Amino acid sequence: MLTIWGRLNSHNVKKVAWFAQEIGLPFVRHDVGMEHGMSDAYLAMNPNRLIPTIEDGDVVLWESNAILRYLAHRYAPEEIYPADPAQRAQGDKWMDWQFSFADAQRDAFIQLVRRQSGQRNLQV
């Protein structure tokens, strides 16, 4: 069974968990990061100290877009990740572009979602 390591208030963990649900792939998830900390065992799996990480049998993988591509190729190849490189690239460009979008909305997300109302700086 797939194991997802990471907390659900992370965009990158959400997209991996959402994708697994979309393709009907059962999984278990463990909270890791921020208030949950990172154990030595987790850091041995993922030396970049970020989330998410997955375990799928003997496969341990981190970096959310790499995880999505792996899961798509392994569990839903033609419906999600077509063999034709031109078709596949149409999805890949949007998946990779999301980092530009994430940078553009990061300050608003941190101030409005991650911080409590008394700690927000709405001028950034």
PDB file of N, CA and C in Angstrom:
ATOM      1  N   MET A   1       0.838  -1.181   0.000  1.00  0.00           N
ATOM      2  CA  MET A   1       0.000   0.000   0.000  1.00  0.00           C
ATOM      3  C   MET A   1       0.881   1.243   0.000  1.00  0.00           C
ATOM      4  N   LEU A   2       0.435   2.257  -0.697  1.00  0.00           N
ATOM      5  CA  LEU A   2       1.142   3.525  -0.768  1.00  0.00           C
ATOM      6  C   LEU A   2       1.109   4.220   0.594  1.00  0.00           C
ATOM      7  N   THR A   3       2.250   4.764   0.996  1.00  0.00           N
ATOM      8  CA  THR A   3       2.326   5.589   2.190  1.00  0.00           C
ATOM      9  C   THR A   3       2.765   6.980   1.772  1.00  0.00           C
ATOM     10  N   ILE A   4       2.020   7.980   2.209  1.00  0.00           N
ATOM     11  CA  ILE A   4       2.345   9.384   1.946  1.00  0.00           C
ATOM     12  C   ILE A   4       2.756  10.000   3.270  1.00  0.00           C
ATOM     13  N   TRP A   5       3.923  10.611   3.271  1.00  0.00           N
ATOM     14  CA  TRP A   5       4.443  11.290   4.457  1.00  0.00           C
ATOM     15  C   TRP A   5       4.314  12.789   4.229  1.00  0.00           C
ATOM     16  N   GLY A   6       3.526  13.447   5.082  1.00  0.00           N
ATOM     17  CA  GLY A   6       3.366  14.900   5.008  1.00  0.00           C
ATOM     18  C   GLY A   6       2.013  15.338   5.529  1.00  0.00           C
ATOM     19  N   ARG A   7       1.920  16.574   5.939  1.00  0.00           N
ATOM     20  CA  ARG A   7       0.691  17.129   6.516  1.00  0.00           C
ATOM     21  C   ARG A   7      -0.196  17.695   5.407  1.00  0.00           C
ATOM     22  N   LEU A   8      -1.494  17.620   5.608  1.00  0.00           N
ATOM     23  CA  LEU A   8      -2.435  18.029   4.558  1.00  0.00           C
ATOM     24  C   LEU A   8      -2.580  19.537   4.396  1.00  0.00           C
ATOM     25  N   ASN A   9      -1.986  20.350   5.244  1.00  0.00           N
ATOM     26  CA  ASN A   9      -2.047  21.791   4.991  1.00  0.00           C
ATOM     27  C   ASN A   9      -0.891  22.246   4.097  1.00  0.00           C
ATOM     28  N   SER A  10      -0.208  21.297   3.499  1.00  0.00           N
ATOM     29  CA  SER A  10       0.812  21.580   2.484  1.00  0.00           C
ATOM     30  C   SER A  10       0.206  21.361   1.108  1.00  0.00           C
ATOM     31  N   HIS A  11       0.367  22.356   0.220  1.00  0.00           N
ATOM     32  CA  HIS A  11      -0.140  22.206  -1.140  1.00  0.00           C
ATOM     33  C   HIS A  11       0.429  20.960  -1.820  1.00  0.00           C
ATOM     34  N   ASN A  12       1.703  20.718  -1.616  1.00  0.00           N
ATOM     35  CA  ASN A  12       2.346  19.608  -2.306  1.00  0.00           C
ATOM     36  C   ASN A  12       1.864  18.256  -1.793  1.00  0.00           C
ATOM     37  N   VAL A  13       1.576  18.164  -0.510  1.00  0.00           N
ATOM     38  CA  VAL A  13       1.018  16.919   0.028  1.00  0.00           C
ATOM     39  C   VAL A  13      -0.423  16.754  -0.456  1.00  0.00           C
ATOM     40  N   LYS A  14      -1.183  17.853  -0.443  1.00  0.00           N
ATOM     41  CA  LYS A  14      -2.575  17.796  -0.911  1.00  0.00           C
ATOM     42  C   LYS A  14      -2.656  17.254  -2.329  1.00  0.00           C
ATOM     43  N   LYS A  15      -1.791  17.741  -3.207  1.00  0.00           N
ATOM     44  CA  LYS A  15      -1.915  17.307  -4.602  1.00  0.00           C
ATOM     45  C   LYS A  15      -1.577  15.828  -4.764  1.00  0.00           C
ATOM     46  N   VAL A  16      -0.657  15.306  -3.959  1.00  0.00           N
ATOM     47  CA  VAL A  16      -0.340  13.876  -4.034  1.00  0.00           C
ATOM     48  C   VAL A  16      -1.500  13.042  -3.485  1.00  0.00           C
ATOM     49  N   ALA A  17      -2.042  13.439  -2.332  1.00  0.00           N
ATOM     50  CA  ALA A  17      -3.179  12.708  -1.746  1.00  0.00           C
ATOM     51  C   ALA A  17      -4.397  12.791  -2.659  1.00  0.00           C
ATOM     52  N   TRP A  18      -4.647  13.958  -3.221  1.00  0.00           N
ATOM     53  CA  TRP A  18      -5.791  14.158  -4.125  1.00  0.00           C
ATOM     54  C   TRP A  18      -5.637  13.256  -5.352  1.00  0.00           C
ATOM     55  N   PHE A  19      -4.444  13.235  -5.910  1.00  0.00           N
ATOM     56  CA  PHE A  19      -4.215  12.407  -7.091  1.00  0.00           C
ATOM     57  C   PHE A  19      -4.439  10.931  -6.792  1.00  0.00           C
ATOM     58  N   ALA A  20      -3.925  10.467  -5.666  1.00  0.00           N
ATOM     59  CA  ALA A  20      -4.127   9.060  -5.288  1.00  0.00           C
ATOM     60  C   ALA A  20      -5.621   8.755  -5.178  1.00  0.00           C
ATOM     61  N   GLN A  21      -6.376   9.669  -4.592  1.00  0.00           N
ATOM     62  CA  GLN A  21      -7.829   9.476  -4.498  1.00  0.00           C
ATOM     63  C   GLN A  21      -8.472   9.468  -5.881  1.00  0.00           C
ATOM     64  N   GLU A  22      -8.050  10.367  -6.739  1.00  0.00           N
ATOM     65  CA  GLU A  22      -8.622  10.465  -8.091  1.00  0.00           C
ATOM     66  C   GLU A  22      -8.453   9.171  -8.883  1.00  0.00           C
ATOM     67  N   ILE A  23      -7.323   8.508  -8.715  1.00  0.00           N
ATOM     68  CA  ILE A  23      -7.096   7.274  -9.485  1.00  0.00           C
ATOM     69  C   ILE A  23      -7.496   6.029  -8.696  1.00  0.00           C
ATOM     70  N   GLY A  24      -8.069   6.213  -7.510  1.00  0.00           N
ATOM     71  CA  GLY A  24      -8.546   5.084  -6.720  1.00  0.00           C
ATOM     72  C   GLY A  24      -7.445   4.267  -6.079  1.00  0.00           C
ATOM     73  N   LEU A  25      -6.323   4.896  -5.785  1.00  0.00           N
ATOM     74  CA  LEU A  25      -5.183   4.209  -5.190  1.00  0.00           C
ATOM     75  C   LEU A  25      -5.246   4.331  -3.662  1.00  0.00           C
ATOM     76  N   PRO A  26      -5.421   3.228  -2.958  1.00  0.00           N
ATOM     77  CA  PRO A  26      -5.470   3.311  -1.492  1.00  0.00           C
ATOM     78  C   PRO A  26      -4.127   3.757  -0.917  1.00  0.00           C
ATOM     79  N   PHE A  27      -4.201   4.518   0.157  1.00  0.00           N
ATOM     80  CA  PHE A  27      -2.969   4.982   0.788  1.00  0.00           C
ATOM     81  C   PHE A  27      -3.213   5.244   2.263  1.00  0.00           C
ATOM     82  N   VAL A  28      -2.112   5.302   2.992  1.00  0.00           N
ATOM     83  CA  VAL A  28      -2.116   5.799   4.360  1.00  0.00           C
ATOM     84  C   VAL A  28      -1.225   7.032   4.361  1.00  0.00           C
ATOM     85  N   ARG A  29      -1.537   7.950   5.248  1.00  0.00           N
ATOM     86  CA  ARG A  29      -0.766   9.189   5.315  1.00  0.00           C
ATOM     87  C   ARG A  29      -0.356   9.447   6.758  1.00  0.00           C
ATOM     88  N   HIS A  30       0.867   9.929   6.910  1.00  0.00           N
ATOM     89  CA  HIS A  30       1.394  10.272   8.230  1.00  0.00           C
ATOM     90  C   HIS A  30       1.767  11.751   8.241  1.00  0.00           C
ATOM     91  N   ASP A  31       1.353  12.457   9.292  1.00  0.00           N
ATOM     92  CA  ASP A  31       1.707  13.869   9.424  1.00  0.00           C
ATOM     93  C   ASP A  31       3.203  14.011   9.670  1.00  0.00           C
ATOM     94  N   VAL A  32       3.827  14.877   8.891  1.00  0.00           N
ATOM     95  CA  VAL A  32       5.249  15.191   9.010  1.00  0.00           C
ATOM     96  C   VAL A  32       5.405  16.658   8.658  1.00  0.00           C
ATOM     97  N   GLY A  33       6.339  17.322   9.294  1.00  0.00           N
ATOM     98  CA  GLY A  33       6.651  18.704   8.965  1.00  0.00           C
ATOM     99  C   GLY A  33       5.985  19.694   9.899  1.00  0.00           C
ATOM    100  N   MET A  34       6.529  20.904   9.916  1.00  0.00           N
ATOM    101  CA  MET A  34       6.091  22.000  10.787  1.00  0.00           C
ATOM    102  C   MET A  34       5.850  21.508  12.208  1.00  0.00           C
ATOM    103  N   GLU A  35       4.636  21.652  12.726  1.00  0.00           N
ATOM    104  CA  GLU A  35       4.366  21.295  14.119  1.00  0.00           C
ATOM    105  C   GLU A  35       4.520  19.808  14.401  1.00  0.00           C
ATOM    106  N   HIS A  36       4.547  18.981  13.363  1.00  0.00           N
ATOM    107  CA  HIS A  36       4.680  17.531  13.539  1.00  0.00           C
ATOM    108  C   HIS A  36       6.139  17.087  13.569  1.00  0.00           C
ATOM    109  N   GLY A  37       7.030  17.946  13.136  1.00  0.00           N
ATOM    110  CA  GLY A  37       8.446  17.615  13.142  1.00  0.00           C
ATOM    111  C   GLY A  37       8.818  16.570  12.092  1.00  0.00           C
ATOM    112  N   MET A  38      10.087  16.213  12.097  1.00  0.00           N
ATOM    113  CA  MET A  38      10.625  15.212  11.175  1.00  0.00           C
ATOM    114  C   MET A  38      11.555  14.294  11.954  1.00  0.00           C
ATOM    115  N   SER A  39      11.209  13.036  11.980  1.00  0.00           N
ATOM    116  CA  SER A  39      12.031  12.064  12.705  1.00  0.00           C
ATOM    117  C   SER A  39      13.317  11.777  11.930  1.00  0.00           C
ATOM    118  N   ASP A  40      14.267  11.172  12.612  1.00  0.00           N
ATOM    119  CA  ASP A  40      15.500  10.756  11.939  1.00  0.00           C
ATOM    120  C   ASP A  40      15.196   9.759  10.821  1.00  0.00           C
ATOM    121  N   ALA A  41      14.212   8.889  11.042  1.00  0.00           N
ATOM    122  CA  ALA A  41      13.832   7.915  10.012  1.00  0.00           C
ATOM    123  C   ALA A  41      13.289   8.626   8.773  1.00  0.00           C
ATOM    124  N   TYR A  42      12.489   9.677   8.983  1.00  0.00           N
ATOM    125  CA  TYR A  42      11.973  10.432   7.837  1.00  0.00           C
ATOM    126  C   TYR A  42      13.116  11.117   7.100  1.00  0.00           C
ATOM    127  N   LEU A  43      14.010  11.750   7.841  1.00  0.00           N
ATOM    128  CA  LEU A  43      15.131  12.451   7.212  1.00  0.00           C
ATOM    129  C   LEU A  43      16.055  11.500   6.468  1.00  0.00           C
ATOM    130  N   ALA A  44      16.126  10.253   6.889  1.00  0.00           N
ATOM    131  CA  ALA A  44      16.911   9.261   6.152  1.00  0.00           C
ATOM    132  C   ALA A  44      16.260   8.963   4.809  1.00  0.00           C
ATOM    133  N   MET A  45      14.923   9.012   4.754  1.00  0.00           N
ATOM    134  CA  MET A  45      14.210   8.807   3.481  1.00  0.00           C
ATOM    135  C   MET A  45      14.312  10.037   2.600  1.00  0.00           C
ATOM    136  N   ASN A  46      14.283  11.222   3.202  1.00  0.00           N
ATOM    137  CA  ASN A  46      14.189  12.464   2.451  1.00  0.00           C
ATOM    138  C   ASN A  46      15.183  13.488   2.999  1.00  0.00           C
ATOM    139  N   PRO A  47      16.395  13.495   2.480  1.00  0.00           N
ATOM    140  CA  PRO A  47      17.425  14.385   3.008  1.00  0.00           C
ATOM    141  C   PRO A  47      17.206  15.862   2.695  1.00  0.00           C
ATOM    142  N   ASN A  48      16.256  16.202   1.824  1.00  0.00           N
ATOM    143  CA  ASN A  48      16.038  17.621   1.534  1.00  0.00           C
ATOM    144  C   ASN A  48      15.169  18.298   2.586  1.00  0.00           C
ATOM    145  N   ARG A  49      14.652  17.519   3.557  1.00  0.00           N
ATOM    146  CA  ARG A  49      13.918  18.038   4.709  1.00  0.00           C
ATOM    147  C   ARG A  49      12.621  18.736   4.325  1.00  0.00           C
ATOM    148  N   LEU A  50      11.997  18.283   3.250  1.00  0.00           N
ATOM    149  CA  LEU A  50      10.720  18.828   2.807  1.00  0.00           C
ATOM    150  C   LEU A  50       9.694  17.709   2.731  1.00  0.00           C
ATOM    151  N   ILE A  51       8.453  18.073   2.449  1.00  0.00           N
ATOM    152  CA  ILE A  51       7.389  17.096   2.254  1.00  0.00           C
ATOM    153  C   ILE A  51       6.771  17.347   0.899  1.00  0.00           C
ATOM    154  N   PRO A  52       6.161  16.365   0.310  1.00  0.00           N
ATOM    155  CA  PRO A  52       5.916  15.003   0.761  1.00  0.00           C
ATOM    156  C   PRO A  52       7.026  14.032   0.353  1.00  0.00           C
ATOM    157  N   THR A  53       6.916  12.860   0.923  1.00  0.00           N
ATOM    158  CA  THR A  53       7.688  11.693   0.518  1.00  0.00           C
ATOM    159  C   THR A  53       6.691  10.560   0.417  1.00  0.00           C
ATOM    160  N   ILE A  54       6.913   9.653  -0.514  1.00  0.00           N
ATOM    161  CA  ILE A  54       6.072   8.454  -0.579  1.00  0.00           C
ATOM    162  C   ILE A  54       6.934   7.212  -0.435  1.00  0.00           C
ATOM    163  N   GLU A  55       6.291   6.163   0.048  1.00  0.00           N
ATOM    164  CA  GLU A  55       6.843   4.816   0.006  1.00  0.00           C
ATOM    165  C   GLU A  55       5.825   3.976  -0.743  1.00  0.00           C
ATOM    166  N   ASP A  56       6.278   3.305  -1.768  1.00  0.00           N
ATOM    167  CA  ASP A  56       5.424   2.429  -2.569  1.00  0.00           C
ATOM    168  C   ASP A  56       6.198   1.133  -2.770  1.00  0.00           C
ATOM    169  N   GLY A  57       5.979   0.195  -1.864  1.00  0.00           N
ATOM    170  CA  GLY A  57       6.808  -1.012  -1.884  1.00  0.00           C
ATOM    171  C   GLY A  57       8.235  -0.627  -1.562  1.00  0.00           C
ATOM    172  N   ASP A  58       9.160  -0.961  -2.453  1.00  0.00           N
ATOM    173  CA  ASP A  58      10.574  -0.633  -2.251  1.00  0.00           C
ATOM    174  C   ASP A  58      10.937   0.756  -2.766  1.00  0.00           C
ATOM    175  N   VAL A  59      10.000   1.441  -3.378  1.00  0.00           N
ATOM    176  CA  VAL A  59      10.268   2.768  -3.946  1.00  0.00           C
ATOM    177  C   VAL A  59      10.029   3.836  -2.887  1.00  0.00           C
ATOM    178  N   VAL A  60      11.043   4.643  -2.650  1.00  0.00           N
ATOM    179  CA  VAL A  60      10.925   5.833  -1.811  1.00  0.00           C
ATOM    180  C   VAL A  60      11.218   7.019  -2.716  1.00  0.00           C
ATOM    181  N   LEU A  61      10.297   7.995  -2.704  1.00  0.00           N
ATOM    182  CA  LEU A  61      10.422   9.109  -3.644  1.00  0.00           C
ATOM    183  C   LEU A  61       9.970  10.391  -2.982  1.00  0.00           C
ATOM    184  N   TRP A  62      10.700  11.460  -3.208  1.00  0.00           N
ATOM    185  CA  TRP A  62      10.288  12.782  -2.760  1.00  0.00           C
ATOM    186  C   TRP A  62      10.307  13.720  -3.954  1.00  0.00           C
ATOM    187  N   GLU A  63       9.706  14.868  -3.786  1.00  0.00           N
ATOM    188  CA  GLU A  63       9.457  15.902  -4.793  1.00  0.00           C
ATOM    189  C   GLU A  63       8.100  15.628  -5.424  1.00  0.00           C
ATOM    190  N   SER A  64       7.158  16.488  -5.120  1.00  0.00           N
ATOM    191  CA  SER A  64       5.750  16.219  -5.433  1.00  0.00           C
ATOM    192  C   SER A  64       5.472  15.974  -6.915  1.00  0.00           C
ATOM    193  N   ASN A  65       6.063  16.741  -7.806  1.00  0.00           N
ATOM    194  CA  ASN A  65       5.790  16.513  -9.231  1.00  0.00           C
ATOM    195  C   ASN A  65       6.378  15.190  -9.706  1.00  0.00           C
ATOM    196  N   ALA A  66       7.548  14.820  -9.203  1.00  0.00           N
ATOM    197  CA  ALA A  66       8.117  13.510  -9.533  1.00  0.00           C
ATOM    198  C   ALA A  66       7.210  12.399  -9.011  1.00  0.00           C
ATOM    199  N   ILE A  67       6.650  12.604  -7.819  1.00  0.00           N
ATOM    200  CA  ILE A  67       5.729  11.622  -7.253  1.00  0.00           C
ATOM    201  C   ILE A  67       4.495  11.484  -8.133  1.00  0.00           C
ATOM    202  N   LEU A  68       3.917  12.606  -8.563  1.00  0.00           N
ATOM    203  CA  LEU A  68       2.728  12.544  -9.421  1.00  0.00           C
ATOM    204  C   LEU A  68       3.020  11.817 -10.727  1.00  0.00           C
ATOM    205  N   ARG A  69       4.145  12.113 -11.336  1.00  0.00           N
ATOM    206  CA  ARG A  69       4.493  11.446 -12.597  1.00  0.00           C
ATOM    207  C   ARG A  69       4.699   9.944 -12.387  1.00  0.00           C
ATOM    208  N   TYR A  70       5.360   9.587 -11.307  1.00  0.00           N
ATOM    209  CA  TYR A  70       5.574   8.180 -10.992  1.00  0.00           C
ATOM    210  C   TYR A  70       4.241   7.461 -10.794  1.00  0.00           C
ATOM    211  N   LEU A  71       3.361   8.022  -9.957  1.00  0.00           N
ATOM    212  CA  LEU A  71       2.069   7.382  -9.697  1.00  0.00           C
ATOM    213  C   LEU A  71       1.237   7.276 -10.964  1.00  0.00           C
ATOM    214  N   ALA A  72       1.249   8.324 -11.769  1.00  0.00           N
ATOM    215  CA  ALA A  72       0.477   8.294 -13.020  1.00  0.00           C
ATOM    216  C   ALA A  72       1.008   7.211 -13.951  1.00  0.00           C
ATOM    217  N   HIS A  73       2.316   7.171 -14.106  1.00  0.00           N
ATOM    218  CA  HIS A  73       2.916   6.187 -15.009  1.00  0.00           C
ATOM    219  C   HIS A  73       2.698   4.759 -14.510  1.00  0.00           C
ATOM    220  N   ARG A  74       2.773   4.573 -13.202  1.00  0.00           N
ATOM    221  CA  ARG A  74       2.646   3.219 -12.653  1.00  0.00           C
ATOM    222  C   ARG A  74       1.198   2.755 -12.555  1.00  0.00           C
ATOM    223  N   TYR A  75       0.288   3.642 -12.144  1.00  0.00           N
ATOM    224  CA  TYR A  75      -1.060   3.202 -11.806  1.00  0.00           C
ATOM    225  C   TYR A  75      -2.167   3.680 -12.753  1.00  0.00           C
ATOM    226  N   ALA A  76      -1.903   4.648 -13.580  1.00  0.00           N
ATOM    227  CA  ALA A  76      -2.948   5.148 -14.494  1.00  0.00           C
ATOM    228  C   ALA A  76      -2.315   5.663 -15.781  1.00  0.00           C
ATOM    229  N   PRO A  77      -1.528   4.813 -16.441  1.00  0.00           N
ATOM    230  CA  PRO A  77      -0.693   5.325 -17.524  1.00  0.00           C
ATOM    231  C   PRO A  77      -1.430   6.013 -18.670  1.00  0.00           C
ATOM    232  N   GLU A  78      -2.353   5.369 -19.306  1.00  0.00           N
ATOM    233  CA  GLU A  78      -2.954   5.998 -20.481  1.00  0.00           C
ATOM    234  C   GLU A  78      -4.034   7.014 -20.139  1.00  0.00           C
ATOM    235  N   GLU A  79      -4.781   6.786 -19.060  1.00  0.00           N
ATOM    236  CA  GLU A  79      -5.845   7.739 -18.750  1.00  0.00           C
ATOM    237  C   GLU A  79      -5.307   9.056 -18.206  1.00  0.00           C
ATOM    238  N   ILE A  80      -4.156   9.032 -17.568  1.00  0.00           N
ATOM    239  CA  ILE A  80      -3.610  10.231 -16.943  1.00  0.00           C
ATOM    240  C   ILE A  80      -2.293  10.671 -17.585  1.00  0.00           C
ATOM    241  N   TYR A  81      -1.461   9.723 -17.951  1.00  0.00           N
ATOM    242  CA  TYR A  81      -0.110  10.038 -18.415  1.00  0.00           C
ATOM    243  C   TYR A  81       0.134   9.329 -19.744  1.00  0.00           C
ATOM    244  N   PRO A  82      -0.326   9.931 -20.834  1.00  0.00           N
ATOM    245  CA  PRO A  82      -0.265   9.249 -22.129  1.00  0.00           C
ATOM    246  C   PRO A  82       1.161   8.938 -22.589  1.00  0.00           C
ATOM    247  N   ALA A  83       1.282   7.912 -23.395  1.00  0.00           N
ATOM    248  CA  ALA A  83       2.588   7.510 -23.924  1.00  0.00           C
ATOM    249  C   ALA A  83       3.128   8.529 -24.926  1.00  0.00           C
ATOM    250  N   ASP A  84       2.236   9.194 -25.647  1.00  0.00           N
ATOM    251  CA  ASP A  84       2.663  10.169 -26.651  1.00  0.00           C
ATOM    252  C   ASP A  84       3.335  11.364 -25.962  1.00  0.00           C
ATOM    253  N   PRO A  85       4.604  11.631 -26.281  1.00  0.00           N
ATOM    254  CA  PRO A  85       5.330  12.712 -25.595  1.00  0.00           C
ATOM    255  C   PRO A  85       4.680  14.085 -25.757  1.00  0.00           C
ATOM    256  N   ALA A  86       4.094  14.367 -26.910  1.00  0.00           N
ATOM    257  CA  ALA A  86       3.457  15.675 -27.113  1.00  0.00           C
ATOM    258  C   ALA A  86       2.234  15.825 -26.218  1.00  0.00           C
ATOM    259  N   GLN A  87       1.441  14.770 -26.090  1.00  0.00           N
ATOM    260  CA  GLN A  87       0.281  14.835 -25.199  1.00  0.00           C
ATOM    261  C   GLN A  87       0.729  14.926 -23.741  1.00  0.00           C
ATOM    262  N   ARG A  88       1.709  14.151 -23.378  1.00  0.00           N
ATOM    263  CA  ARG A  88       2.210  14.160 -22.005  1.00  0.00           C
ATOM    264  C   ARG A  88       2.745  15.537 -21.631  1.00  0.00           C
ATOM    265  N   ALA A  89       3.443  16.176 -22.556  1.00  0.00           N
ATOM    266  CA  ALA A  89       4.025  17.493 -22.292  1.00  0.00           C
ATOM    267  C   ALA A  89       2.960  18.547 -22.006  1.00  0.00           C
ATOM    268  N   GLN A  90       1.761  18.369 -22.553  1.00  0.00           N
ATOM    269  CA  GLN A  90       0.687  19.323 -22.281  1.00  0.00           C
ATOM    270  C   GLN A  90       0.332  19.341 -20.788  1.00  0.00           C
ATOM    271  N   GLY A  91       0.321  18.197 -20.155  1.00  0.00           N
ATOM    272  CA  GLY A  91       0.090  18.147 -18.715  1.00  0.00           C
ATOM    273  C   GLY A  91       1.312  18.561 -17.919  1.00  0.00           C
ATOM    274  N   ASP A  92       2.487  18.119 -18.382  1.00  0.00           N
ATOM    275  CA  ASP A  92       3.725  18.444 -17.664  1.00  0.00           C
ATOM    276  C   ASP A  92       3.949  19.946 -17.568  1.00  0.00           C
ATOM    277  N   LYS A  93       3.626  20.689 -18.616  1.00  0.00           N
ATOM    278  CA  LYS A  93       3.882  22.134 -18.575  1.00  0.00           C
ATOM    279  C   LYS A  93       3.067  22.803 -17.473  1.00  0.00           C
ATOM    280  N   TRP A  94       1.826  22.371 -17.290  1.00  0.00           N
ATOM    281  CA  TRP A  94       0.996  22.963 -16.246  1.00  0.00           C
ATOM    282  C   TRP A  94       1.462  22.536 -14.870  1.00  0.00           C
ATOM    283  N   MET A  95       1.875  21.284 -14.740  1.00  0.00           N
ATOM    284  CA  MET A  95       2.354  20.812 -13.453  1.00  0.00           C
ATOM    285  C   MET A  95       3.617  21.573 -13.048  1.00  0.00           C
ATOM    286  N   ASP A  96       4.508  21.812 -13.986  1.00  0.00           N
ATOM    287  CA  ASP A  96       5.736  22.526 -13.669  1.00  0.00           C
ATOM    288  C   ASP A  96       5.492  24.029 -13.502  1.00  0.00           C
ATOM    289  N   TRP A  97       4.547  24.587 -14.225  1.00  0.00           N
ATOM    290  CA  TRP A  97       4.209  26.003 -14.104  1.00  0.00           C
ATOM    291  C   TRP A  97       3.649  26.329 -12.726  1.00  0.00           C
ATOM    292  N   GLN A  98       3.038  25.372 -12.080  1.00  0.00           N
ATOM    293  CA  GLN A  98       2.413  25.650 -10.788  1.00  0.00           C
ATOM    294  C   GLN A  98       3.397  26.229  -9.784  1.00  0.00           C
ATOM    295  N   PHE A  99       4.698  25.986  -9.947  1.00  0.00           N
ATOM    296  CA  PHE A  99       5.667  26.590  -9.036  1.00  0.00           C
ATOM    297  C   PHE A  99       5.713  28.101  -9.220  1.00  0.00           C
ATOM    298  N   SER A 100       5.561  28.581 -10.455  1.00  0.00           N
ATOM    299  CA  SER A 100       5.489  30.027 -10.687  1.00  0.00           C
ATOM    300  C   SER A 100       4.243  30.600 -10.026  1.00  0.00           C
ATOM    301  N   PHE A 101       3.127  29.905 -10.157  1.00  0.00           N
ATOM    302  CA  PHE A 101       1.889  30.335  -9.519  1.00  0.00           C
ATOM    303  C   PHE A 101       2.036  30.319  -8.002  1.00  0.00           C
ATOM    304  N   ALA A 102       2.659  29.281  -7.477  1.00  0.00           N
ATOM    305  CA  ALA A 102       2.834  29.180  -6.027  1.00  0.00           C
ATOM    306  C   ALA A 102       3.661  30.348  -5.505  1.00  0.00           C
ATOM    307  N   ASP A 103       4.710  30.740  -6.214  1.00  0.00           N
ATOM    308  CA  ASP A 103       5.521  31.875  -5.783  1.00  0.00           C
ATOM    309  C   ASP A 103       4.701  33.163  -5.762  1.00  0.00           C
ATOM    310  N   ALA A 104       3.826  33.327  -6.746  1.00  0.00           N
ATOM    311  CA  ALA A 104       3.023  34.545  -6.845  1.00  0.00           C
ATOM    312  C   ALA A 104       2.009  34.669  -5.712  1.00  0.00           C
ATOM    313  N   GLN A 105       1.530  33.568  -5.178  1.00  0.00           N
ATOM    314  CA  GLN A 105       0.504  33.631  -4.134  1.00  0.00           C
ATOM    315  C   GLN A 105       1.014  33.266  -2.743  1.00  0.00           C
ATOM    316  N   ARG A 106       2.300  33.000  -2.621  1.00  0.00           N
ATOM    317  CA  ARG A 106       2.861  32.520  -1.342  1.00  0.00           C
ATOM    318  C   ARG A 106       2.607  33.480  -0.177  1.00  0.00           C
ATOM    319  N   ASP A 107       2.900  34.783  -0.358  1.00  0.00           N
ATOM    320  CA  ASP A 107       2.727  35.724   0.758  1.00  0.00           C
ATOM    321  C   ASP A 107       1.272  35.771   1.215  1.00  0.00           C
ATOM    322  N   ALA A 108       0.332  35.825   0.281  1.00  0.00           N
ATOM    323  CA  ALA A 108      -1.088  35.861   0.653  1.00  0.00           C
ATOM    324  C   ALA A 108      -1.474  34.588   1.400  1.00  0.00           C
ATOM    325  N   PHE A 109      -1.015  33.446   0.936  1.00  0.00           N
ATOM    326  CA  PHE A 109      -1.330  32.179   1.594  1.00  0.00           C
ATOM    327  C   PHE A 109      -0.776  32.149   3.020  1.00  0.00           C
ATOM    328  N   ILE A 110       0.469  32.529   3.162  1.00  0.00           N
ATOM    329  CA  ILE A 110       1.086  32.489   4.495  1.00  0.00           C
ATOM    330  C   ILE A 110       0.352  33.431   5.441  1.00  0.00           C
ATOM    331  N   GLN A 111       0.063  34.650   4.982  1.00  0.00           N
ATOM    332  CA  GLN A 111      -0.579  35.627   5.862  1.00  0.00           C
ATOM    333  C   GLN A 111      -2.030  35.284   6.180  1.00  0.00           C
ATOM    334  N   LEU A 112      -2.773  34.746   5.232  1.00  0.00           N
ATOM    335  CA  LEU A 112      -4.204  34.500   5.436  1.00  0.00           C
ATOM    336  C   LEU A 112      -4.538  33.105   5.939  1.00  0.00           C
ATOM    337  N   VAL A 113      -3.665  32.131   5.681  1.00  0.00           N
ATOM    338  CA  VAL A 113      -3.971  30.753   6.047  1.00  0.00           C
ATOM    339  C   VAL A 113      -3.078  30.253   7.179  1.00  0.00           C
ATOM    340  N   ARG A 114      -1.807  30.464   7.063  1.00  0.00           N
ATOM    341  CA  ARG A 114      -0.873  29.889   8.034  1.00  0.00           C
ATOM    342  C   ARG A 114      -0.762  30.685   9.331  1.00  0.00           C
ATOM    343  N   ARG A 115      -0.973  31.995   9.264  1.00  0.00           N
ATOM    344  CA  ARG A 115      -0.815  32.824  10.464  1.00  0.00           C
ATOM    345  C   ARG A 115      -2.160  33.104  11.109  1.00  0.00           C
ATOM    346  N   GLN A 116      -2.155  33.172  12.427  1.00  0.00           N
ATOM    347  CA  GLN A 116      -3.368  33.532  13.153  1.00  0.00           C
ATOM    348  C   GLN A 116      -3.647  35.015  12.942  1.00  0.00           C
ATOM    349  N   SER A 117      -4.898  35.409  13.095  1.00  0.00           N
ATOM    350  CA  SER A 117      -5.310  36.773  12.737  1.00  0.00           C
ATOM    351  C   SER A 117      -4.464  37.852  13.420  1.00  0.00           C
ATOM    352  N   GLY A 118      -4.070  37.686  14.648  1.00  0.00           N
ATOM    353  CA  GLY A 118      -3.264  38.691  15.339  1.00  0.00           C
ATOM    354  C   GLY A 118      -1.834  38.764  14.874  1.00  0.00           C
ATOM    355  N   GLN A 119      -1.371  37.799  14.096  1.00  0.00           N
ATOM    356  CA  GLN A 119       0.016  37.751  13.633  1.00  0.00           C
ATOM    357  C   GLN A 119       0.152  38.062  12.144  1.00  0.00           C
ATOM    358  N   ARG A 120      -0.938  38.392  11.486  1.00  0.00           N
ATOM    359  CA  ARG A 120      -0.904  38.616  10.035  1.00  0.00           C
ATOM    360  C   ARG A 120      -0.366  39.995   9.688  1.00  0.00           C
ATOM    361  N   ASN A 121       0.391  40.049   8.603  1.00  0.00           N
ATOM    362  CA  ASN A 121       0.856  41.301   8.032  1.00  0.00           C
ATOM    363  C   ASN A 121       0.238  41.397   6.641  1.00  0.00           C
ATOM    364  N   LEU A 122      -0.822  42.160   6.499  1.00  0.00           N
ATOM    365  CA  LEU A 122      -1.534  42.236   5.230  1.00  0.00           C
ATOM    366  C   LEU A 122      -0.918  43.267   4.285  1.00  0.00           C
ATOM    367  N   GLN A 123       0.198  43.839   4.675  1.00  0.00           N
ATOM    368  CA  GLN A 123       0.874  44.845   3.830  1.00  0.00           C
ATOM    369  C   GLN A 123       1.921  44.243   2.912  1.00  0.00           C
ATOM    370  N   VAL A 124       2.234  42.951   3.055  1.00  0.00           N
ATOM    371  CA  VAL A 124       3.275  42.337   2.202  1.00  0.00           C
ATOM    372  C   VAL A 124       2.765  42.082   0.815  1.00  0.00           C
TER     373      VAL A 124
END
